[in-house]
Protein backbone atom coordinates (compact mmCIF):
# COMPACT_ATOMS: atom_id res chain seq x y z
CA UNK A 1 -34.86 -60.23 16.26
CA UNK A 2 -34.73 -63.86 17.34
CA UNK A 3 -38.38 -64.35 16.34
CA UNK A 4 -37.39 -64.14 12.68
CA UNK A 5 -35.47 -66.72 10.65
CA UNK A 6 -32.77 -64.70 8.91
CA UNK A 7 -31.19 -65.74 5.61
CA UNK A 8 -28.08 -64.48 3.85
CA UNK A 9 -30.29 -62.65 1.32
CA UNK A 10 -32.14 -60.84 4.13
CA UNK A 11 -28.84 -59.72 5.63
CA UNK A 12 -27.55 -58.58 2.21
CA UNK A 13 -30.74 -56.54 1.66
CA UNK A 14 -30.33 -55.00 5.09
CA UNK A 15 -26.75 -53.96 4.32
CA UNK A 16 -27.79 -52.45 0.97
CA UNK A 17 -30.46 -50.40 2.72
CA UNK A 18 -27.89 -49.31 5.33
CA UNK A 19 -25.53 -48.15 2.58
CA UNK A 20 -28.32 -46.16 0.90
CA UNK A 21 -29.22 -44.62 4.27
CA UNK A 22 -25.60 -43.59 4.84
CA UNK A 23 -25.52 -41.88 1.45
CA UNK A 24 -28.71 -39.95 2.24
CA UNK A 25 -27.49 -38.54 5.56
CA UNK A 26 -26.67 -34.83 5.56
CA UNK A 27 -23.03 -33.91 5.01
CA UNK A 28 -20.85 -33.19 8.02
CA UNK A 29 -19.87 -29.52 8.14
CA UNK A 30 -17.33 -27.72 10.27
CA UNK A 31 -19.02 -25.90 13.11
CA UNK A 32 -18.34 -22.26 13.81
CA UNK A 33 -18.78 -20.87 10.30
CA UNK A 34 -21.95 -19.18 9.26
CA UNK A 35 -23.22 -16.72 6.72
CA UNK A 36 -24.61 -13.39 7.93
CA UNK A 37 -25.45 -12.13 4.47
CA UNK A 38 -29.13 -11.71 3.65
CA UNK A 39 -30.74 -13.99 1.07
CA UNK A 40 -30.52 -12.70 -2.48
CA UNK A 41 -33.88 -11.86 -4.03
CA UNK A 42 -33.94 -13.35 -7.49
CA UNK A 43 -36.32 -12.53 -10.29
CA UNK A 44 -38.39 -15.28 -11.91
CA UNK A 45 -36.20 -14.97 -15.00
CA UNK A 46 -33.03 -15.58 -12.97
CA UNK A 47 -34.63 -18.55 -11.26
CA UNK A 48 -35.61 -20.04 -14.61
CA UNK A 49 -32.03 -19.65 -15.90
CA UNK A 50 -30.50 -21.37 -12.86
CA UNK A 51 -29.40 -24.99 -12.99
CA UNK A 52 -31.75 -27.28 -11.16
CA UNK A 53 -30.43 -28.70 -7.89
CA UNK A 54 -31.26 -32.30 -7.10
CA UNK A 55 -33.92 -32.74 -4.46
CA UNK A 56 -32.41 -34.16 -1.28
CA UNK A 57 -34.46 -36.77 0.57
CA UNK A 58 -33.37 -37.30 4.16
CA UNK A 59 -33.59 -40.79 5.71
CA UNK A 60 -36.35 -41.60 8.18
CA UNK A 61 -35.75 -42.31 11.84
CA UNK A 62 -36.57 -45.99 11.31
CA UNK A 63 -33.96 -46.22 8.53
CA UNK A 64 -31.33 -44.67 10.81
CA UNK A 65 -32.24 -47.16 13.56
CA UNK A 66 -31.78 -50.06 11.14
CA UNK A 67 -28.44 -48.52 10.06
CA UNK A 68 -27.29 -48.48 13.69
CA UNK A 69 -28.29 -52.14 14.05
CA UNK A 70 -26.20 -52.94 11.00
CA UNK A 71 -23.19 -51.26 12.59
CA UNK A 72 -23.51 -53.70 15.51
CA UNK A 73 -23.65 -56.67 13.11
CA UNK A 74 -20.34 -55.89 11.41
CA UNK A 75 -18.55 -56.49 14.70
CA UNK A 76 -19.48 -60.19 14.42
CA UNK A 77 -17.28 -60.77 11.36
CA UNK A 78 -13.62 -60.16 10.60
CA UNK A 79 -12.29 -57.00 9.00
CA UNK A 80 -11.78 -58.51 5.55
CA UNK A 81 -15.34 -59.81 5.57
CA UNK A 82 -16.63 -56.39 6.60
CA UNK A 83 -14.95 -54.75 3.64
CA UNK A 84 -16.37 -57.41 1.33
CA UNK A 85 -19.91 -56.99 2.68
CA UNK A 86 -19.81 -53.18 2.42
CA UNK A 87 -18.30 -53.35 -1.07
CA UNK A 88 -21.20 -55.50 -2.26
CA UNK A 89 -23.70 -53.26 -0.47
CA UNK A 90 -22.18 -50.38 -2.44
CA UNK A 91 -22.64 -52.45 -5.61
CA UNK A 92 -18.94 -52.59 -6.42
CA UNK A 93 -18.49 -54.99 -9.38
CA UNK A 94 -17.32 -58.51 -8.58
CA UNK A 95 -14.36 -58.09 -10.93
CA UNK A 96 -13.00 -55.21 -8.86
CA UNK A 97 -13.66 -57.01 -5.56
CA UNK A 98 -11.97 -60.20 -6.73
CA UNK A 99 -8.98 -58.14 -7.92
CA UNK A 100 -8.64 -56.55 -4.49
CA UNK A 101 -8.93 -59.92 -2.74
CA UNK A 102 -6.55 -61.64 -5.14
CA UNK A 103 -8.93 -64.46 -6.00
CA UNK A 104 -11.45 -65.33 -8.68
CA UNK A 105 -15.06 -64.15 -8.73
CA UNK A 106 -16.61 -67.38 -7.44
CA UNK A 107 -14.25 -67.49 -4.44
CA UNK A 108 -15.09 -63.88 -3.59
CA UNK A 109 -18.78 -64.68 -3.87
CA UNK A 110 -18.40 -67.72 -1.57
CA UNK A 111 -16.56 -65.59 1.02
CA UNK A 112 -19.34 -62.99 0.82
CA UNK A 113 -22.01 -65.68 1.29
CA UNK A 114 -20.11 -67.15 4.23
CA UNK A 115 -19.86 -63.75 5.94
CA UNK A 116 -23.58 -63.10 5.41
CA UNK A 117 -24.43 -66.58 6.68
CA UNK A 118 -22.39 -65.97 9.87
CA UNK A 119 -24.41 -62.85 10.57
CA UNK A 120 -27.73 -64.52 9.67
CA UNK A 121 -26.98 -67.49 11.95
CA UNK A 122 -26.20 -65.21 14.86
CA UNK A 123 -29.35 -63.16 14.25
CA UNK A 124 -31.52 -66.27 14.00
CA UNK A 125 -30.03 -67.69 17.20
CA UNK A 126 -30.91 -64.52 19.06
C-alpha cells in the first residue's frame, strides 16, 4: 500500500465501504438449532399475497479483505478517534457526534480530519 499516496478522503471512503460491508455480512446465529420440518408448499395465490422480503446481497471476498485491512488501521489511532471515525462512516449526523464529544461541530470535524490524516500518513509511509 506504500505505492499509493493516501489522503484523508481516501481513508474516509475506505471506512464507509467497510461499514457497508459489515452491514451486508450474514447475521450470527446460535449453532446447534435447526429445523427438521419440510418446506411448506405454497400456492401461487399464497405467494402473491405474501409480503416481499428484501433481497440480500452478500459482500464479495475482496470487500471482506478490505474490511479486515480497515480493522488493522483502527489500531493506529486512539479509542476516541476510532469511535469518531466509525460514527462518520455510519453517517451519524455531526450534531449528534458533537453532542457526544461535548464540543462544537467544527471541532469534531477537525478531530475527525486529524484522525484520518494520521491513518493516511501511516499508509503513505508504508
